Protein backbone atom coordinates (compact mmCIF):
# COMPACT_ATOMS: atom_id res chain seq x y z
CA MET A 1 70.82 13.44 18.26
CA ARG A 2 68.44 12.69 21.10
CA PRO A 3 66.08 9.51 20.32
CA SER A 4 63.08 9.91 19.60
CA SER A 5 60.39 8.28 22.30
CA PHE A 6 59.64 5.50 19.88
CA ASP A 7 63.02 4.96 20.07
CA GLU A 8 63.13 4.64 23.85
CA PRO A 9 64.25 1.19 25.37
CA THR A 10 61.73 -1.40 25.94
CA GLU A 11 62.89 -1.80 29.70
CA SER A 12 61.89 1.56 30.33
CA LEU A 13 58.89 1.41 29.02
CA SER A 14 58.33 -1.67 31.18
CA LEU A 15 59.44 -0.14 34.40
CA SER A 16 56.71 3.03 33.34
CA LEU A 17 54.24 0.62 32.69
CA LYS A 18 54.48 -1.43 35.89
CA PHE A 19 54.86 1.70 38.09
CA GLY A 20 51.83 3.40 36.57
CA LEU A 21 53.74 5.84 34.94
CA SER A 22 53.40 7.89 31.82
CA ALA A 23 56.19 7.76 29.08
CA SER A 24 56.93 11.03 29.72
CA ASP A 25 57.65 10.37 33.12
CA ALA A 26 59.11 7.23 32.71
CA PRO A 27 62.87 7.26 34.42
CA CYS A 28 65.53 8.67 32.18
CA SER A 29 68.87 9.35 33.85
CA PRO A 30 71.03 6.46 36.01
CA ALA A 31 70.10 7.63 39.50
CA VAL A 32 66.44 7.56 38.68
CA LYS A 33 66.53 4.26 37.17
CA ALA A 34 68.63 2.59 40.43
CA TYR A 35 66.06 4.17 42.48
CA HIS A 36 62.72 2.14 40.82
CA ASP A 37 65.57 -1.00 40.48
CA ALA A 38 65.62 -0.87 44.21
CA LEU A 39 61.79 -0.23 44.69
CA GLU A 40 60.93 -2.86 42.47
CA HIS A 41 63.22 -5.35 44.42
CA SER A 42 61.41 -4.10 47.78
CA ILE A 43 58.17 -4.81 46.42
CA THR A 44 58.89 -8.14 44.63
CA MET A 45 60.83 -9.89 47.44
CA THR A 46 59.91 -11.07 50.92
CA PRO A 47 61.62 -9.41 53.69
CA PRO A 48 64.09 -11.78 55.33
CA VAL A 49 63.33 -13.44 59.16
CA THR A 50 65.35 -12.54 61.60
CA PRO A 51 67.63 -16.07 62.32
CA ARG A 52 66.76 -15.46 66.32
CA TRP A 53 62.96 -14.97 66.00
CA THR A 54 62.82 -18.19 63.94
CA ASP A 55 64.92 -20.35 66.00
CA GLU A 56 62.70 -19.31 69.30
CA LEU A 57 59.39 -19.91 67.11
CA GLN A 58 60.74 -23.54 66.31
CA THR A 59 61.78 -23.94 69.90
CA LEU A 60 58.42 -23.21 71.27
CA CYS A 61 57.01 -25.04 68.90
CA SER A 62 59.04 -28.06 69.43
CA GLN A 63 58.35 -28.19 73.19
CA SER A 64 54.63 -27.78 73.08
CA ARG A 65 54.56 -30.60 69.95
CA GLN A 66 56.67 -33.13 73.26
CA ILE A 67 53.87 -31.98 75.90
CA ARG A 68 51.26 -32.56 73.39
CA GLU A 69 52.96 -35.89 72.39
CA THR A 70 53.55 -36.77 76.01
CA ILE A 71 50.40 -36.83 77.25
CA ASP A 72 49.00 -38.43 74.51
CA ARG A 73 50.85 -41.39 75.10
CA ARG A 74 49.94 -41.63 78.72
CA ARG A 75 46.85 -43.24 78.62
CA ILE A 76 45.42 -42.83 82.10
CA ASN A 77 42.44 -45.65 83.22
CA LYS A 78 39.62 -43.05 84.93
CA HIS A 79 37.96 -45.57 86.48
CA PRO A 80 38.41 -47.20 89.79
CA ILE A 81 39.83 -51.25 89.70
CA THR A 82 38.57 -52.42 92.82
CA SER A 83 36.12 -51.10 95.02
CA LEU A 84 35.56 -51.51 98.73
CA ASP A 85 32.32 -50.57 101.00
CA ALA A 86 33.26 -48.42 104.10
CA PRO A 87 30.84 -47.60 106.16
CA GLY A 88 31.20 -45.97 108.95
CA ALA A 89 33.91 -43.84 107.45
CA VAL A 90 34.57 -40.10 109.57
CA ASP A 91 34.01 -36.98 107.44
CA ASP A 92 36.69 -35.43 109.78
CA PHE A 93 39.67 -33.19 107.67
CA TYR A 94 41.23 -33.32 110.79
CA SER A 95 42.24 -36.88 111.08
CA HIS A 96 44.64 -39.29 109.14
CA THR A 97 42.97 -43.15 108.87
CA LEU A 98 43.96 -44.71 105.92
CA ASP A 99 47.51 -46.04 105.85
CA TRP A 100 49.51 -48.65 103.04
CA SER A 101 52.53 -50.72 104.36
CA ASP A 102 55.76 -52.01 103.19
CA LYS A 103 53.92 -55.53 103.70
CA ASN A 104 51.40 -54.54 100.99
CA ILE A 105 48.65 -54.75 104.03
CA LEU A 106 46.08 -51.54 103.95
CA ALA A 107 44.84 -50.09 107.34
CA VAL A 108 42.06 -48.08 107.32
CA ALA A 109 39.81 -46.72 110.02
CA LEU A 110 36.19 -46.96 110.00
CA GLY A 111 34.28 -44.90 113.15
CA ASP A 112 35.87 -46.58 116.16
CA THR A 113 37.32 -49.54 114.68
CA ALA A 114 40.51 -50.28 112.73
CA TYR A 115 40.56 -52.98 109.95
CA LEU A 116 43.44 -54.54 107.73
CA TRP A 117 43.33 -55.78 104.15
CA ASN A 118 46.05 -57.70 103.25
CA VAL A 119 45.81 -56.69 98.93
CA THR A 120 48.13 -59.93 98.37
CA THR A 121 45.80 -62.78 100.44
CA ARG A 122 42.08 -60.55 100.04
CA GLN A 123 42.04 -61.20 103.75
CA VAL A 124 40.10 -58.01 106.31
CA ASP A 125 40.80 -58.37 109.33
CA THR A 126 39.46 -56.12 112.76
CA LEU A 127 42.57 -54.94 114.66
CA VAL A 128 41.06 -52.30 117.05
CA GLU A 129 37.86 -52.04 118.16
CA LEU A 130 37.53 -49.71 120.92
CA GLY A 131 34.09 -49.82 121.81
CA ASP A 132 34.32 -46.65 124.66
CA GLY A 133 32.55 -43.84 122.70
CA SER A 134 35.89 -42.86 121.00
CA VAL A 135 37.14 -43.33 117.28
CA VAL A 136 39.94 -43.90 114.99
CA SER A 137 41.83 -40.55 114.19
CA SER A 138 45.24 -41.72 113.09
CA LEU A 139 46.93 -44.69 111.79
CA CYS A 140 50.77 -45.23 110.63
CA TRP A 141 52.45 -47.65 110.16
CA MET A 142 56.01 -48.48 111.79
CA GLU A 143 58.91 -48.93 108.76
CA GLY A 144 58.60 -53.00 108.19
CA GLY A 145 55.33 -53.27 108.66
CA ARG A 146 55.18 -55.42 112.17
CA TYR A 147 53.41 -52.20 113.78
CA LEU A 148 50.83 -49.57 113.41
CA ALA A 149 50.62 -46.27 115.90
CA VAL A 150 46.74 -45.87 116.11
CA GLY A 151 45.58 -42.59 117.79
CA THR A 152 42.15 -41.81 118.67
CA ASP A 153 39.89 -38.52 119.46
CA ALA A 154 40.05 -39.41 123.24
CA SER A 155 44.01 -38.21 122.82
CA ASP A 156 45.10 -41.96 123.27
CA LEU A 157 48.17 -42.97 121.54
CA HIS A 158 48.80 -46.66 121.13
CA LEU A 159 51.55 -49.16 118.99
CA TRP A 160 49.90 -52.69 118.08
CA ASP A 161 51.56 -55.45 117.01
CA VAL A 162 49.49 -56.80 114.05
CA GLN A 163 51.16 -60.28 114.25
CA LYS A 164 49.79 -61.25 117.67
CA GLY A 165 47.12 -58.86 117.65
CA LYS A 166 47.16 -56.86 120.55
CA CYS A 167 48.10 -53.31 122.13
CA VAL A 168 52.02 -53.69 122.69
CA ARG A 169 52.74 -49.81 124.46
CA GLY A 170 51.07 -46.87 125.16
CA LEU A 171 51.93 -43.72 124.54
CA ARG A 172 51.03 -40.75 126.31
CA GLY A 173 51.42 -37.19 126.77
CA HIS A 174 48.09 -35.99 124.37
CA ALA A 175 45.47 -34.06 126.47
CA SER A 176 43.43 -33.78 122.56
CA LYS A 177 42.40 -35.84 119.93
CA ILE A 178 45.26 -37.32 117.94
CA THR A 179 45.16 -35.78 114.22
CA ALA A 180 48.22 -37.00 112.49
CA THR A 181 50.89 -39.44 113.15
CA ALA A 182 54.71 -40.13 111.56
CA VAL A 183 56.91 -42.35 111.87
CA ASN A 184 60.82 -41.96 111.40
CA ARG A 185 62.36 -45.61 112.22
CA SER A 186 61.87 -45.92 116.47
CA ILE A 187 60.69 -42.41 116.33
CA VAL A 188 57.09 -41.69 116.29
CA THR A 189 55.92 -38.27 116.16
CA SER A 190 52.65 -37.31 117.37
CA GLY A 191 50.29 -34.07 116.63
CA SER A 192 47.02 -33.36 118.28
CA GLU A 193 44.52 -30.67 117.73
CA GLY A 194 45.70 -28.96 120.93
CA GLY A 195 48.62 -28.37 118.42
CA ILE A 196 51.09 -30.06 120.65
CA LEU A 197 53.53 -32.03 118.70
CA PHE A 198 56.04 -34.47 120.10
CA ASP A 199 58.72 -37.07 119.37
CA SER A 200 58.49 -40.57 121.11
CA ASP A 201 61.60 -43.04 121.37
CA LEU A 202 59.99 -46.55 121.30
CA ARG A 203 63.84 -47.46 122.47
CA VAL A 204 63.47 -45.85 125.88
CA ARG A 205 60.82 -46.35 128.81
CA GLN A 206 60.11 -42.05 129.02
CA HIS A 207 59.30 -42.26 125.44
CA ARG A 208 58.99 -38.26 125.00
CA VAL A 209 61.95 -37.11 123.58
CA PHE A 210 61.32 -34.20 122.16
CA ASP A 211 58.54 -31.28 121.84
CA ARG A 212 58.40 -29.19 118.73
CA VAL A 213 56.78 -25.93 119.83
CA GLY A 214 55.65 -23.58 117.24
CA HIS A 215 52.81 -24.08 115.61
CA GLN A 216 49.59 -22.38 117.51
CA GLN A 217 46.28 -24.04 116.41
CA GLY A 218 46.33 -27.81 115.70
CA ILE A 219 47.84 -30.13 113.56
CA THR A 220 46.85 -31.55 110.21
CA GLY A 221 49.77 -32.84 108.50
CA LEU A 222 52.81 -34.73 108.91
CA ALA A 223 55.69 -36.61 106.89
CA TRP A 224 59.05 -37.13 107.44
CA SER A 225 61.11 -36.25 104.15
CA PRO A 226 62.76 -39.54 102.20
CA ASP A 227 66.47 -39.55 103.75
CA LYS A 228 64.55 -38.82 106.89
CA THR A 229 66.23 -35.87 107.66
CA VAL A 230 63.71 -33.07 107.74
CA LEU A 231 60.09 -33.54 109.14
CA ALA A 232 57.08 -31.68 107.51
CA SER A 233 54.22 -30.59 109.86
CA GLY A 234 50.83 -28.62 108.23
CA GLY A 235 48.63 -26.84 111.14
CA ASN A 236 45.60 -25.32 111.36
CA ASP A 237 47.40 -21.54 111.74
CA ASN A 238 48.06 -21.96 108.03
CA THR A 239 51.84 -22.70 108.21
CA VAL A 240 54.24 -25.61 107.40
CA ARG A 241 56.89 -25.90 109.35
CA LEU A 242 60.32 -27.56 108.61
CA TRP A 243 62.11 -29.39 111.50
CA ASP A 244 66.01 -30.51 110.86
CA SER A 245 69.03 -30.07 113.24
CA ARG A 246 68.35 -26.16 113.14
CA PRO A 247 67.46 -24.99 116.85
CA GLU A 248 63.83 -23.75 115.30
CA PRO A 249 62.02 -24.69 112.75
CA ARG A 250 62.26 -22.92 109.08
CA VAL A 251 58.25 -21.56 108.40
CA LEU A 252 56.48 -21.47 105.46
CA ARG A 253 53.52 -18.85 105.59
CA GLU A 254 51.88 -19.06 101.77
CA HIS A 255 49.06 -20.68 102.39
CA SER A 256 45.65 -19.11 103.58
CA ALA A 257 43.84 -22.11 105.16
CA SER A 258 44.66 -25.44 106.71
CA VAL A 259 47.33 -27.33 105.36
CA ARG A 260 46.76 -30.67 105.62
CA ALA A 261 47.85 -32.15 102.38
CA LEU A 262 51.99 -32.54 103.06
CA ALA A 263 53.82 -34.97 100.27
CA TRP A 264 57.95 -34.83 99.70
CA ALA A 265 59.30 -35.39 96.42
CA PRO A 266 61.60 -38.41 95.17
CA ARG A 267 63.84 -35.59 94.46
CA ARG A 268 66.01 -34.36 97.34
CA ASN A 269 64.62 -31.07 99.01
CA VAL A 270 61.25 -31.10 96.83
CA LEU A 271 58.25 -30.84 99.22
CA ALA A 272 54.39 -30.31 97.39
CA THR A 273 51.66 -28.55 100.25
CA GLY A 274 48.16 -28.23 99.85
CA GLY A 275 45.79 -25.64 101.20
CA GLY A 276 42.17 -26.23 102.52
CA ASN A 277 38.98 -24.22 101.67
CA GLY A 278 39.57 -20.83 100.52
CA ASP A 279 43.10 -21.37 99.82
CA ASN A 280 42.86 -24.61 96.96
CA THR A 281 46.44 -23.94 95.89
CA ILE A 282 48.99 -26.61 95.89
CA LYS A 283 52.47 -25.23 95.84
CA ILE A 284 55.83 -26.83 95.42
CA TRP A 285 58.81 -25.58 97.60
CA ASN A 286 62.46 -25.61 97.40
CA THR A 287 63.61 -26.70 101.01
CA ALA A 288 67.30 -26.27 100.78
CA ALA A 289 68.70 -23.60 102.85
CA ASP A 290 66.51 -20.84 102.16
CA PRO A 291 62.78 -22.81 101.48
CA HIS A 292 60.93 -20.71 98.76
CA VAL A 293 57.97 -21.42 95.91
CA VAL A 294 59.00 -22.66 93.03
CA ASP A 295 55.48 -23.12 91.49
CA THR A 296 51.86 -23.04 92.54
CA ILE A 297 49.04 -25.01 91.41
CA HIS A 298 45.27 -22.99 91.86
CA THR A 299 42.67 -26.04 91.83
CA ASP A 300 38.82 -24.64 92.22
CA SER A 301 38.03 -26.95 95.96
CA GLN A 302 39.95 -27.58 98.69
CA VAL A 303 43.28 -29.95 98.97
CA CYS A 304 42.92 -33.11 101.01
CA SER A 305 45.97 -35.06 100.24
CA LEU A 306 48.40 -35.34 97.91
CA GLN A 307 50.99 -37.89 96.56
CA TRP A 308 53.92 -38.27 94.19
CA GLY A 309 54.66 -40.60 91.66
CA ARG A 310 57.66 -42.47 91.82
CA HIS A 311 57.45 -43.99 88.22
CA HIS A 312 55.99 -41.51 86.45
CA ASP A 313 56.83 -37.14 86.86
CA GLU A 314 53.30 -36.45 88.26
CA ILE A 315 51.12 -35.36 91.45
CA LEU A 316 48.46 -36.68 92.59
CA SER A 317 45.80 -34.36 94.62
CA THR A 318 42.79 -35.08 96.31
CA HIS A 319 39.95 -32.91 96.72
CA GLY A 320 36.71 -32.02 99.17
CA PHE A 321 34.47 -28.76 98.88
CA HIS A 322 33.22 -28.36 96.31
CA THR A 323 34.85 -30.97 93.63
CA ASN A 324 35.42 -34.34 96.03
CA SER A 325 37.75 -35.21 92.74
CA VAL A 326 40.62 -37.00 92.25
CA ARG A 327 43.34 -35.49 89.85
CA LEU A 328 46.78 -36.16 87.81
CA TRP A 329 49.11 -33.16 87.41
CA LYS A 330 52.13 -33.55 85.08
CA TYR A 331 55.26 -32.03 86.83
CA PRO A 332 56.88 -29.52 86.53
CA ASN A 333 54.99 -28.16 83.75
CA ASN A 334 51.68 -28.53 85.93
CA ILE A 335 48.95 -29.98 83.57
CA GLN A 336 46.12 -31.45 84.41
CA GLN A 337 45.86 -35.20 83.55
CA CYS A 338 42.25 -35.89 84.73
CA ASP A 339 40.09 -34.98 86.80
CA ILE A 340 37.86 -37.79 88.15
CA ARG A 341 35.04 -37.40 90.04
CA SER A 342 33.91 -40.93 91.37
CA HIS A 343 33.18 -40.25 94.99
CA SER A 344 30.30 -38.91 96.64
CA SER A 345 31.68 -36.55 99.13
CA ARG A 346 35.28 -35.25 100.38
CA VAL A 347 38.21 -37.56 99.57
CA LEU A 348 40.45 -36.40 102.76
CA HIS A 349 42.78 -39.86 102.37
CA SER A 350 44.82 -41.11 99.99
CA ALA A 351 47.77 -43.81 100.09
CA VAL A 352 49.87 -45.39 97.89
CA SER A 353 50.91 -49.10 97.52
CA PRO A 354 54.86 -50.59 97.98
CA ASP A 355 55.51 -50.70 94.92
CA GLY A 356 54.29 -47.42 93.68
CA ARG A 357 51.79 -48.69 91.07
CA THR A 358 48.25 -48.18 92.89
CA VAL A 359 46.69 -45.80 94.20
CA CYS A 360 43.52 -45.70 97.40
CA THR A 361 41.61 -42.92 97.89
CA LEU A 362 38.70 -42.77 100.56
CA GLY A 363 36.18 -40.76 100.49
CA GLY A 364 32.08 -41.09 100.93
CA GLU A 365 32.39 -44.47 102.54
CA ARG A 366 33.81 -46.02 99.67
CA LEU A 367 37.34 -47.30 99.39
CA LEU A 368 38.54 -46.68 95.34
CA PHE A 369 41.72 -48.24 93.95
CA TRP A 370 43.34 -46.58 90.91
CA ASP A 371 46.02 -48.01 88.79
CA PHE A 372 47.35 -44.04 87.75
CA TRP A 373 50.89 -45.82 87.97
CA SER A 374 50.63 -49.45 86.59
CA MET A 375 52.36 -48.27 83.41
CA ASN A 376 49.35 -50.55 81.86
CA ASN A 377 50.91 -53.95 83.93
CA PRO A 378 47.94 -56.59 83.56
CA THR A 379 49.48 -58.61 86.23
CA VAL A 380 49.60 -55.30 88.83
CA ARG A 381 46.06 -55.08 87.49
CA SER A 382 44.56 -58.45 87.85
CA LYS A 383 45.96 -58.46 91.47
CA LEU A 384 43.15 -56.04 92.73
CA SER A 385 40.81 -56.76 89.87
CA THR A 386 40.37 -60.39 91.01
CA VAL A 387 39.27 -59.43 94.31
CA SER A 388 36.83 -62.18 95.54
CA HIS A 389 33.32 -62.08 97.31
CA GLY A 390 33.89 -64.37 99.86
CA THR A 391 35.25 -62.02 102.02
CA ARG A 392 32.63 -59.68 101.83
CA ALA A 393 30.69 -59.90 105.78
CA PHE A 394 33.93 -59.20 108.49
CA ASN A 395 31.65 -57.54 110.76
CA ARG A 396 30.34 -54.46 109.43
CA GLY A 397 33.12 -53.16 107.15
CA LEU A 398 35.11 -53.42 104.01
CA GLU A 399 32.78 -55.16 102.41
CA ILE A 400 33.73 -55.82 98.37
CA LEU A 401 31.25 -54.43 96.19
CA PRO A 402 30.14 -55.66 92.80
């Protein structure tokens, strides 16, 4: 006999109440019951997460956390540790008038005069005073820090012995302003506003030994690679050219404005270049057999100079129109670490101390020193922060500011 409705199993009644079914609609066959069992399971159970998606999400979160922790741990002093007054500094995009020697002596040109500041002794000396109406447009130390190559806007290029305080050789051949110089052992490479670029060998009487023909306009920047095998030259023709043992230079054409800022990374075959006003980008190049851009950092202002950190994976950039700022970028993530606007005009020049810890920037007639890479070392900081005001009166330049 078929049981009455009052004799139906309680689990059937429970299921009918759970799914809003009337007693007469309650499942009675095994197939219907199996269907409702599956439906109940699907409603009450959380669907499983795909393991691959979980792994990828965890990896992304971990990487984000690591980057954030790295930035948080890297405390950057955004205030200069020393400031020097530099009256007469020329605001000229087509000049390079700041360089730091291996012997810890900073050379800076202020108008027609080149000064030397001994960072160790805090002594300031005048090395060159032209006095003929021309101005110093380029400075570059020879390796070892005894000789300084000094170029002028009157097309003169001379080698000065800083120990003797006199000019020891003239290097003729240019017909326009010397805009950039770079040194490779006994070779001085010099570029001019007229686009002439050649090597001078100091070991021979006829010093002009090799002409580098290629740029269609003025030379705006020069930099030898750390191993001294490749020369990078930037031009007002918006190109960068790489000169090595090949018969013709390799041409990099990704910029849309003059390329003044050039910096080789400590690692092999990596070059950073900065574009001028209108381009406003920093490009990272792999300069191996087939040079190509591996990354681009978009800034909002003219890139004037670049420096690679030796103790941190960072790039320092200085800028002109319109921010006049000093910035640090984490490499290779290209995260901006800081944006400092302490200069009143374009920060055209920068130089790094021999130990790679301190940075000097020049802009708006002020030299500012930063301990970006001192690793919070109080000894390094104190070398510059305790400069004596007794060195104030050296003609009209390099006055210590309070």
